[in-house]
Amino acid sequence: VQLQASGGGLVQAGGSLRLSCAGSGDTFSRYTLGWFRQAPGKEREFVGGIGWRGNGPSYGDSVKGRFTISRDDSKNTVYLEMNNLRLEDTAVYYCAANRALWIAIVASQYGYWGQGTQVTVSS
């Protein structure tokens, strides 16, 4: 499956942003989808994921209660709704996919990646 992330941009702290990740090339509904982010000088961090067969979503501790993941398989798209954004949310955000039945939180367990979209939160 090929993934294309979009929706990043510049937003003030406390604001909201929605990222999208469109898939193509395979049966999107049979993939578990994850969102990761990577800030300069830091490792790639699990933001959240949503499985197929109604599994999930699950979230990383730093975004719980602020971010929401959803998927629309009719549009081959997964979304990351980000609210109450903080300066520390600034990063490049990536969507990823695998065929696992569980939601992996380690980046190496995902075999398919989108190109990343920059999110910058300003004060």
N, C-alpha and C. Protein backbone atom coordinates (compact mmCIF):
# COMPACT_ATOMS: atom_id res chain seq x y z
N VAL A 1 0.85 -1.19 0.00
CA VAL A 1 0.00 0.00 0.00
C VAL A 1 0.89 1.24 0.00
N GLN A 2 0.45 2.26 -0.74
CA GLN A 2 1.16 3.54 -0.73
C GLN A 2 0.37 4.53 0.13
N LEU A 3 1.09 5.34 0.88
CA LEU A 3 0.47 6.28 1.80
C LEU A 3 0.91 7.70 1.49
N GLN A 4 -0.02 8.62 1.61
CA GLN A 4 0.25 10.03 1.34
C GLN A 4 -0.35 10.85 2.47
N ALA A 5 0.51 11.45 3.30
CA ALA A 5 0.04 12.27 4.41
C ALA A 5 -0.09 13.73 3.98
N SER A 6 -1.04 14.41 4.58
CA SER A 6 -1.24 15.82 4.28
C SER A 6 -1.90 16.51 5.47
N GLY A 7 -1.95 17.84 5.41
CA GLY A 7 -2.67 18.59 6.43
C GLY A 7 -1.81 19.30 7.44
N GLY A 8 -0.51 19.11 7.37
CA GLY A 8 0.35 19.80 8.32
C GLY A 8 0.39 21.30 8.08
N GLY A 9 0.97 22.02 9.03
CA GLY A 9 1.07 23.46 8.88
C GLY A 9 1.50 24.11 10.18
N LEU A 10 1.34 25.41 10.21
CA LEU A 10 1.70 26.22 11.38
C LEU A 10 0.43 26.57 12.14
N VAL A 11 0.45 26.34 13.44
CA VAL A 11 -0.72 26.60 14.28
C VAL A 11 -0.24 27.14 15.62
N GLN A 12 -1.03 27.98 16.22
CA GLN A 12 -0.69 28.51 17.53
C GLN A 12 -0.98 27.49 18.63
N ALA A 13 -0.26 27.60 19.70
CA ALA A 13 -0.50 26.73 20.85
C ALA A 13 -1.95 26.85 21.30
N GLY A 14 -2.54 25.71 21.59
CA GLY A 14 -3.95 25.67 21.95
C GLY A 14 -4.88 25.45 20.78
N GLY A 15 -4.33 25.55 19.59
CA GLY A 15 -5.14 25.39 18.39
C GLY A 15 -5.31 23.94 17.99
N SER A 16 -5.92 23.75 16.82
CA SER A 16 -6.23 22.41 16.33
C SER A 16 -5.78 22.26 14.89
N LEU A 17 -5.57 21.02 14.52
CA LEU A 17 -5.17 20.70 13.16
C LEU A 17 -5.62 19.27 12.88
N ARG A 18 -5.97 19.00 11.64
CA ARG A 18 -6.33 17.63 11.27
C ARG A 18 -5.42 17.15 10.15
N LEU A 19 -4.78 16.05 10.39
CA LEU A 19 -3.96 15.42 9.37
C LEU A 19 -4.75 14.30 8.70
N SER A 20 -4.44 14.08 7.44
CA SER A 20 -5.05 13.00 6.68
C SER A 20 -3.95 12.13 6.09
N CYS A 21 -4.27 10.88 5.92
CA CYS A 21 -3.34 9.97 5.25
C CYS A 21 -4.16 9.10 4.31
N ALA A 22 -3.93 9.28 3.03
CA ALA A 22 -4.67 8.54 2.02
C ALA A 22 -3.86 7.35 1.55
N GLY A 23 -4.52 6.23 1.43
CA GLY A 23 -3.86 5.02 0.97
C GLY A 23 -4.31 4.62 -0.41
N SER A 24 -3.44 3.91 -1.11
CA SER A 24 -3.78 3.40 -2.44
C SER A 24 -2.97 2.15 -2.72
N GLY A 25 -3.45 1.38 -3.65
CA GLY A 25 -2.68 0.24 -4.13
C GLY A 25 -3.00 -1.09 -3.52
N ASP A 26 -3.81 -1.12 -2.49
CA ASP A 26 -4.18 -2.40 -1.86
C ASP A 26 -5.46 -2.18 -1.07
N THR A 27 -5.95 -3.25 -0.46
CA THR A 27 -7.19 -3.17 0.31
C THR A 27 -6.93 -2.46 1.61
N PHE A 28 -7.20 -1.19 1.63
CA PHE A 28 -6.87 -0.32 2.76
C PHE A 28 -7.50 -0.83 4.05
N SER A 29 -8.69 -1.37 3.96
CA SER A 29 -9.43 -1.77 5.16
C SER A 29 -8.78 -2.92 5.91
N ARG A 30 -7.82 -3.60 5.31
CA ARG A 30 -7.18 -4.73 5.96
C ARG A 30 -5.83 -4.36 6.56
N TYR A 31 -5.59 -3.08 6.73
CA TYR A 31 -4.34 -2.61 7.32
C TYR A 31 -4.58 -1.96 8.67
N THR A 32 -3.67 -2.22 9.57
CA THR A 32 -3.58 -1.42 10.78
C THR A 32 -2.77 -0.17 10.46
N LEU A 33 -3.25 0.95 10.95
CA LEU A 33 -2.64 2.23 10.60
C LEU A 33 -2.12 2.92 11.85
N GLY A 34 -0.94 3.47 11.73
CA GLY A 34 -0.34 4.17 12.85
C GLY A 34 0.08 5.57 12.47
N TRP A 35 0.13 6.42 13.47
CA TRP A 35 0.69 7.76 13.31
C TRP A 35 1.91 7.85 14.23
N PHE A 36 2.99 8.36 13.68
CA PHE A 36 4.22 8.59 14.43
C PHE A 36 4.65 10.03 14.20
N ARG A 37 5.53 10.50 15.04
CA ARG A 37 6.09 11.82 14.83
C ARG A 37 7.57 11.81 15.22
N GLN A 38 8.29 12.72 14.61
CA GLN A 38 9.71 12.82 14.90
C GLN A 38 10.12 14.27 14.93
N ALA A 39 10.60 14.69 16.08
CA ALA A 39 11.13 16.05 16.25
C ALA A 39 12.64 16.01 16.01
N PRO A 40 13.22 17.14 15.67
CA PRO A 40 14.68 17.18 15.42
C PRO A 40 15.47 16.66 16.60
N GLY A 41 16.38 15.74 16.32
CA GLY A 41 17.24 15.19 17.37
C GLY A 41 16.59 14.15 18.25
N LYS A 42 15.35 13.79 17.93
CA LYS A 42 14.64 12.81 18.76
C LYS A 42 14.27 11.58 17.94
N GLU A 43 13.98 10.50 18.65
CA GLU A 43 13.56 9.29 17.97
C GLU A 43 12.10 9.41 17.54
N ARG A 44 11.76 8.56 16.59
CA ARG A 44 10.38 8.55 16.12
C ARG A 44 9.48 8.02 17.24
N GLU A 45 8.40 8.74 17.48
CA GLU A 45 7.52 8.48 18.62
C GLU A 45 6.14 8.03 18.15
N PHE A 46 5.62 7.01 18.80
CA PHE A 46 4.27 6.54 18.51
C PHE A 46 3.25 7.56 19.01
N VAL A 47 2.40 8.01 18.11
CA VAL A 47 1.33 8.94 18.46
C VAL A 47 0.04 8.17 18.73
N GLY A 48 -0.28 7.26 17.84
CA GLY A 48 -1.48 6.47 18.00
C GLY A 48 -1.68 5.56 16.82
N GLY A 49 -2.65 4.66 16.95
CA GLY A 49 -2.93 3.75 15.88
C GLY A 49 -4.36 3.25 15.92
N ILE A 50 -4.78 2.73 14.79
CA ILE A 50 -6.12 2.17 14.71
C ILE A 50 -6.04 0.93 13.85
N GLY A 51 -6.63 -0.15 14.34
CA GLY A 51 -6.54 -1.40 13.64
C GLY A 51 -7.74 -1.62 12.74
N TRP A 52 -7.76 -2.79 12.16
CA TRP A 52 -8.94 -3.19 11.41
C TRP A 52 -9.71 -4.20 12.25
N ARG A 53 -10.87 -4.56 11.82
CA ARG A 53 -11.76 -5.40 12.61
C ARG A 53 -12.12 -4.73 13.93
N GLY A 54 -12.22 -3.40 13.94
CA GLY A 54 -12.66 -2.69 15.13
C GLY A 54 -11.66 -2.59 16.25
N ASN A 55 -10.41 -2.88 15.96
CA ASN A 55 -9.36 -2.83 16.98
C ASN A 55 -8.87 -1.40 17.18
N GLY A 56 -8.90 -0.92 18.39
CA GLY A 56 -8.42 0.42 18.71
C GLY A 56 -9.48 1.47 18.58
N PRO A 57 -9.07 2.76 18.60
CA PRO A 57 -7.69 3.25 18.52
C PRO A 57 -6.97 3.22 19.87
N SER A 58 -5.69 3.34 19.81
CA SER A 58 -4.87 3.50 21.01
C SER A 58 -3.93 4.67 20.78
N TYR A 59 -3.44 5.26 21.88
CA TYR A 59 -2.68 6.50 21.81
C TYR A 59 -1.43 6.45 22.68
N GLY A 60 -0.46 7.22 22.28
CA GLY A 60 0.69 7.42 23.13
C GLY A 60 0.31 8.31 24.31
N ASP A 61 1.03 8.17 25.40
CA ASP A 61 0.68 8.89 26.62
C ASP A 61 0.70 10.40 26.45
N SER A 62 1.58 10.90 25.62
CA SER A 62 1.74 12.35 25.49
C SER A 62 0.59 13.02 24.75
N VAL A 63 -0.25 12.24 24.08
CA VAL A 63 -1.33 12.83 23.30
C VAL A 63 -2.71 12.39 23.75
N LYS A 64 -2.77 11.49 24.70
CA LYS A 64 -4.07 10.99 25.16
C LYS A 64 -4.96 12.14 25.64
N GLY A 65 -6.19 12.11 25.20
CA GLY A 65 -7.14 13.15 25.59
C GLY A 65 -7.11 14.38 24.71
N ARG A 66 -6.10 14.47 23.83
CA ARG A 66 -6.00 15.64 22.94
C ARG A 66 -6.11 15.25 21.48
N PHE A 67 -5.63 14.08 21.14
CA PHE A 67 -5.62 13.63 19.74
C PHE A 67 -6.64 12.51 19.55
N THR A 68 -7.21 12.46 18.36
CA THR A 68 -8.17 11.42 18.03
C THR A 68 -7.86 10.86 16.65
N ILE A 69 -7.82 9.55 16.57
CA ILE A 69 -7.59 8.87 15.30
C ILE A 69 -8.88 8.23 14.83
N SER A 70 -9.14 8.36 13.56
CA SER A 70 -10.29 7.70 12.96
C SER A 70 -9.92 7.26 11.56
N ARG A 71 -10.71 6.38 11.00
CA ARG A 71 -10.46 5.93 9.64
C ARG A 71 -11.78 5.86 8.89
N ASP A 72 -11.69 6.12 7.60
CA ASP A 72 -12.82 5.98 6.70
C ASP A 72 -12.36 5.08 5.56
N ASP A 73 -12.68 3.82 5.67
CA ASP A 73 -12.19 2.87 4.67
C ASP A 73 -12.86 3.07 3.31
N SER A 74 -14.01 3.71 3.29
CA SER A 74 -14.66 3.99 2.00
C SER A 74 -13.85 5.04 1.22
N LYS A 75 -13.05 5.83 1.95
CA LYS A 75 -12.22 6.84 1.31
C LYS A 75 -10.74 6.48 1.38
N ASN A 76 -10.44 5.29 1.90
CA ASN A 76 -9.04 4.86 2.05
C ASN A 76 -8.21 5.90 2.79
N THR A 77 -8.77 6.43 3.86
CA THR A 77 -8.11 7.53 4.56
C THR A 77 -8.17 7.32 6.07
N VAL A 78 -7.07 7.66 6.72
CA VAL A 78 -7.03 7.70 8.17
C VAL A 78 -6.75 9.13 8.58
N TYR A 79 -7.34 9.55 9.69
CA TYR A 79 -7.24 10.93 10.13
C TYR A 79 -6.61 11.01 11.52
N LEU A 80 -5.94 12.11 11.75
CA LEU A 80 -5.42 12.41 13.08
C LEU A 80 -5.90 13.82 13.43
N GLU A 81 -6.88 13.87 14.32
CA GLU A 81 -7.41 15.14 14.79
C GLU A 81 -6.61 15.55 16.01
N MET A 82 -5.99 16.72 15.95
CA MET A 82 -5.12 17.18 17.03
C MET A 82 -5.70 18.45 17.64
N ASN A 83 -6.00 18.40 18.90
CA ASN A 83 -6.57 19.54 19.61
C ASN A 83 -5.65 19.95 20.76
N ASN A 84 -5.85 21.19 21.20
CA ASN A 84 -5.07 21.72 22.31
C ASN A 84 -3.57 21.49 22.08
N LEU A 85 -3.12 21.88 20.92
CA LEU A 85 -1.74 21.63 20.54
C LEU A 85 -0.76 22.40 21.43
N ARG A 86 0.37 21.77 21.68
CA ARG A 86 1.41 22.33 22.52
C ARG A 86 2.69 22.51 21.70
N LEU A 87 3.58 23.33 22.22
CA LEU A 87 4.84 23.55 21.52
C LEU A 87 5.57 22.23 21.28
N GLU A 88 5.48 21.34 22.24
CA GLU A 88 6.21 20.07 22.13
C GLU A 88 5.58 19.10 21.13
N ASP A 89 4.46 19.47 20.55
CA ASP A 89 3.87 18.65 19.48
C ASP A 89 4.52 18.94 18.12
N THR A 90 5.37 19.94 18.08
CA THR A 90 6.06 20.27 16.83
C THR A 90 6.93 19.11 16.38
N ALA A 91 6.69 18.65 15.16
CA ALA A 91 7.41 17.49 14.63
C ALA A 91 6.97 17.23 13.20
N VAL A 92 7.67 16.34 12.55
CA VAL A 92 7.17 15.78 11.30
C VAL A 92 6.32 14.58 11.65
N TYR A 93 5.12 14.55 11.13
CA TYR A 93 4.18 13.48 11.42
C TYR A 93 4.10 12.52 10.24
N TYR A 94 4.17 11.24 10.56
CA TYR A 94 4.15 10.20 9.55
C TYR A 94 2.98 9.25 9.79
N CYS A 95 2.38 8.80 8.71
CA CYS A 95 1.43 7.69 8.83
C CYS A 95 2.14 6.42 8.36
N ALA A 96 1.71 5.32 8.91
CA ALA A 96 2.33 4.04 8.62
C ALA A 96 1.28 2.95 8.62
N ALA A 97 1.60 1.83 7.99
CA ALA A 97 0.63 0.74 7.90
C ALA A 97 1.33 -0.61 8.00
N ASN A 98 0.59 -1.57 8.53
CA ASN A 98 1.03 -2.96 8.48
C ASN A 98 -0.19 -3.86 8.47
N ARG A 99 0.05 -5.15 8.32
CA ARG A 99 -1.06 -6.09 8.21
C ARG A 99 -1.31 -6.82 9.52
N ALA A 100 -0.71 -6.36 10.60
CA ALA A 100 -0.87 -7.02 11.89
C ALA A 100 -2.29 -6.87 12.41
N LEU A 101 -2.69 -7.77 13.28
CA LEU A 101 -4.01 -7.71 13.91
C LEU A 101 -3.99 -6.86 15.17
N TRP A 102 -2.79 -6.49 15.62
CA TRP A 102 -2.68 -5.64 16.80
C TRP A 102 -2.10 -4.29 16.39
N ILE A 103 -2.15 -3.34 17.30
CA ILE A 103 -1.62 -2.02 17.00
C ILE A 103 -0.21 -1.93 17.57
N ALA A 104 0.75 -1.97 16.72
CA ALA A 104 2.14 -1.91 17.15
C ALA A 104 2.51 -0.47 17.53
N ILE A 105 3.35 -0.32 18.52
CA ILE A 105 3.77 1.01 18.94
C ILE A 105 5.24 1.27 18.58
N VAL A 106 5.87 0.31 17.94
CA VAL A 106 7.26 0.44 17.54
C VAL A 106 7.33 0.67 16.04
N ALA A 107 8.06 1.67 15.63
CA ALA A 107 8.09 2.07 14.23
C ALA A 107 8.58 0.95 13.32
N SER A 108 9.52 0.16 13.79
CA SER A 108 10.10 -0.89 12.95
C SER A 108 9.10 -1.99 12.60
N GLN A 109 7.97 -2.03 13.27
CA GLN A 109 6.97 -3.04 12.99
C GLN A 109 6.00 -2.61 11.89
N TYR A 110 6.22 -1.43 11.34
CA TYR A 110 5.41 -0.97 10.23
C TYR A 110 6.24 -1.02 8.95
N GLY A 111 5.67 -1.60 7.92
CA GLY A 111 6.43 -1.77 6.69
C GLY A 111 6.14 -0.74 5.62
N TYR A 112 5.10 0.03 5.83
CA TYR A 112 4.69 1.01 4.82
C TYR A 112 4.58 2.38 5.49
N TRP A 113 5.16 3.37 4.82
CA TRP A 113 5.22 4.72 5.39
C TRP A 113 4.85 5.78 4.37
N GLY A 114 4.17 6.81 4.86
CA GLY A 114 3.95 8.00 4.07
C GLY A 114 5.16 8.91 4.16
N GLN A 115 5.12 10.01 3.45
CA GLN A 115 6.30 10.85 3.32
C GLN A 115 6.48 11.84 4.48
N GLY A 116 5.50 11.98 5.35
CA GLY A 116 5.62 12.91 6.46
C GLY A 116 5.07 14.28 6.13
N THR A 117 4.50 14.92 7.14
CA THR A 117 3.98 16.27 7.00
C THR A 117 4.37 17.05 8.25
N GLN A 118 4.85 18.26 8.05
CA GLN A 118 5.39 19.06 9.15
C GLN A 118 4.26 19.75 9.91
N VAL A 119 4.31 19.63 11.22
CA VAL A 119 3.41 20.36 12.11
C VAL A 119 4.28 21.23 13.01
N THR A 120 4.01 22.52 12.97
CA THR A 120 4.75 23.46 13.80
C THR A 120 3.77 24.22 14.67
N VAL A 121 3.99 24.15 15.98
CA VAL A 121 3.15 24.84 16.94
C VAL A 121 3.93 26.01 17.49
N SER A 122 3.36 27.19 17.38
CA SER A 122 4.03 28.40 17.83
C SER A 122 3.36 28.96 19.08
N SER A 123 4.13 29.76 19.81
CA SER A 123 3.59 30.35 21.05
C SER A 123 2.88 31.66 20.78
